[in-house]
Structure formats: C-alpha cells, structure tokens
Amino acid sequence: MTKPFRRLAAITSFGIVLVVGSQIGTAYYRFAKIEREFKSVHAGQARSSVVELFGMPNYRMGRCGTLSSPPPGCTMEYVYSDPLAPWVPDYYVVYFAADDRVLETAYLSSP
C-alpha cells in the first residue's frame, strides 16, 4: 500500500467511526429523555404534544396491538424503544384514540 492510500483509508475509517458513534450517541440521548419524561404523558393529552416532547417513534407507529393488548378505543399506537431493541426489550408505548388524544401509556419490558 502506498502512503497516500493508507492515509485516505485511515481518514475514511475515522469518518465512518465518527458518524456511527454520533448516531448511536444521539439515539441513546433521545431514549434517555423518553425514559426520564415518559411519566409526564397523561390521558387526554394531544398527540402533537407527545411528538413535540419525544419526536416521532423510533420503533413503530400504526395500528394498535403490536406488542400487547391495546386499551378499548385505541386507533393508533406509538412505540419508542431502546436503540438496541429487540436485544434490549424496553418499550414505551403511547395509545391514542380516534380524536388524537392519549388513551393510555405503558412500559413494556421482557427479561
């Protein structure tokens, strides 16, 4: 290998490690906020306020009942997960009614 090629390979490798590391760090920073502030989400709260607080779900949003039995009247669920899910099975679920209001919240974990 020539010296310029090795230098380019080292810079490229460093860049890749930096990008991946920052993405992992950002994902854990976001999840830590969800863990801290999840108790502040209450029934009747607007969906827009949940999105404002946590952002869009990183795991799933859609029809209710993906991970557990939804409450009656549920039309949509947002699932926020640990960045290493399903290997680290920690899920925070927000269930919404047809009027875009929170019905219920749940923390789901599996040993």
Protein backbone atom coordinates (compact mmCIF):
# COMPACT_ATOMS: atom_id res chain seq x y z
CA MET A 1 0.00 0.00 0.00
CA THR A 2 1.19 3.43 -0.76
CA LYS A 3 1.40 6.09 1.90
CA PRO A 4 -1.36 8.34 0.42
CA PHE A 5 -3.70 5.36 0.13
CA ARG A 6 -3.14 4.39 3.79
CA ARG A 7 -3.77 7.95 4.86
CA LEU A 8 -7.01 8.10 2.87
CA ALA A 9 -8.11 4.75 4.31
CA ALA A 10 -7.38 5.96 7.85
CA ILE A 11 -9.32 9.21 7.33
CA THR A 12 -12.24 7.34 5.79
CA SER A 13 -12.30 4.80 8.64
CA PHE A 14 -12.17 7.57 11.22
CA GLY A 15 -15.05 9.34 9.49
CA ILE A 16 -17.18 6.20 9.47
CA VAL A 17 -16.49 5.55 13.18
CA LEU A 18 -17.33 9.18 13.97
CA VAL A 19 -20.66 9.08 12.08
CA VAL A 20 -21.73 5.74 13.55
CA GLY A 21 -20.69 6.82 17.05
CA SER A 22 -22.62 10.07 16.82
CA GLN A 23 -25.74 8.25 15.59
CA ILE A 24 -25.56 5.78 18.49
CA GLY A 25 -24.95 8.61 20.95
CA THR A 26 -27.91 10.58 19.60
CA ALA A 27 -30.18 7.52 19.81
CA TYR A 28 -29.24 6.90 23.45
CA TYR A 29 -29.60 10.59 24.33
CA ARG A 30 -33.11 10.58 22.87
CA PHE A 31 -34.04 7.33 24.64
CA ALA A 32 -32.77 8.69 27.98
CA LYS A 33 -35.12 11.66 27.56
CA ILE A 34 -38.04 9.31 26.88
CA GLU A 35 -37.19 7.24 29.98
CA ARG A 36 -36.99 10.39 32.14
CA GLU A 37 -40.10 12.15 30.88
CA PHE A 38 -42.46 9.31 29.96
CA LYS A 39 -44.39 9.73 33.22
CA SER A 40 -45.36 13.25 32.12
CA VAL A 41 -47.59 11.88 29.32
CA HIS A 42 -51.19 11.60 30.55
CA ALA A 43 -54.59 10.51 29.23
CA GLY A 44 -56.26 13.25 27.22
CA GLN A 45 -53.02 14.81 26.03
CA ALA A 46 -52.86 15.69 22.32
CA ARG A 47 -50.77 13.53 20.00
CA SER A 48 -48.95 16.66 18.78
CA SER A 49 -47.69 17.33 22.31
CA VAL A 50 -46.30 13.78 22.55
CA VAL A 51 -44.49 14.27 19.23
CA GLU A 52 -43.22 17.65 20.42
CA LEU A 53 -41.86 16.05 23.60
CA PHE A 54 -40.36 12.83 22.17
CA GLY A 55 -40.33 13.20 18.39
CA MET A 56 -41.69 10.55 16.08
CA PRO A 57 -41.42 6.95 17.31
CA ASN A 58 -38.18 5.19 16.52
CA TYR A 59 -39.67 1.68 16.65
CA ARG A 60 -43.21 1.74 15.32
CA MET A 61 -46.33 3.79 14.78
CA GLY A 62 -49.55 2.38 13.45
CA ARG A 63 -52.42 0.09 14.30
CA CYS A 64 -52.77 -0.86 17.97
CA GLY A 65 -51.74 -4.20 19.43
CA THR A 66 -48.24 -4.82 18.12
CA LEU A 67 -46.60 -5.65 21.45
CA SER A 68 -49.54 -6.08 23.83
CA SER A 69 -53.31 -5.90 24.09
CA PRO A 70 -54.37 -2.31 23.49
CA PRO A 71 -56.95 -0.49 25.60
CA PRO A 72 -60.52 -0.30 24.22
CA GLY A 73 -60.93 2.55 21.74
CA CYS A 74 -57.31 2.54 20.61
CA THR A 75 -56.84 3.54 16.97
CA MET A 76 -53.08 4.17 16.86
CA GLU A 77 -50.02 3.44 18.96
CA TYR A 78 -46.57 4.98 19.10
CA VAL A 79 -43.78 2.69 20.29
CA TYR A 80 -40.47 4.14 21.45
CA SER A 81 -37.74 1.56 22.07
CA ASP A 82 -34.24 1.15 23.37
CA PRO A 83 -31.83 1.67 20.46
CA LEU A 84 -30.76 -1.97 20.75
CA ALA A 85 -34.29 -3.41 20.66
CA PRO A 86 -35.18 -6.25 20.35
CA TRP A 87 -31.96 -7.37 22.09
CA VAL A 88 -32.71 -4.90 24.90
CA PRO A 89 -36.51 -5.20 25.05
CA ASP A 90 -37.53 -1.90 26.67
CA TYR A 91 -40.53 -0.30 25.00
CA TYR A 92 -42.55 2.80 25.88
CA VAL A 93 -45.99 2.73 24.25
CA VAL A 94 -48.49 5.56 23.88
CA TYR A 95 -52.01 4.55 22.80
CA PHE A 96 -54.21 7.11 21.02
CA ALA A 97 -57.97 7.36 20.47
CA ALA A 98 -59.66 8.44 17.23
CA ASP A 99 -59.61 12.09 18.39
CA ASP A 100 -55.77 12.02 18.53
CA ARG A 101 -55.74 12.12 22.34
CA VAL A 102 -53.74 9.82 24.59
CA LEU A 103 -55.81 6.94 25.93
CA GLU A 104 -53.14 5.24 27.98
CA THR A 105 -49.40 4.69 28.24
CA ALA A 106 -47.44 1.54 29.00
CA TYR A 107 -43.88 0.49 29.70
CA LEU A 108 -43.14 -2.97 28.37
CA SER A 109 -40.02 -4.98 29.12
CA SER A 110 -39.10 -8.59 28.79
CA PRO A 111 -36.47 -10.42 30.85
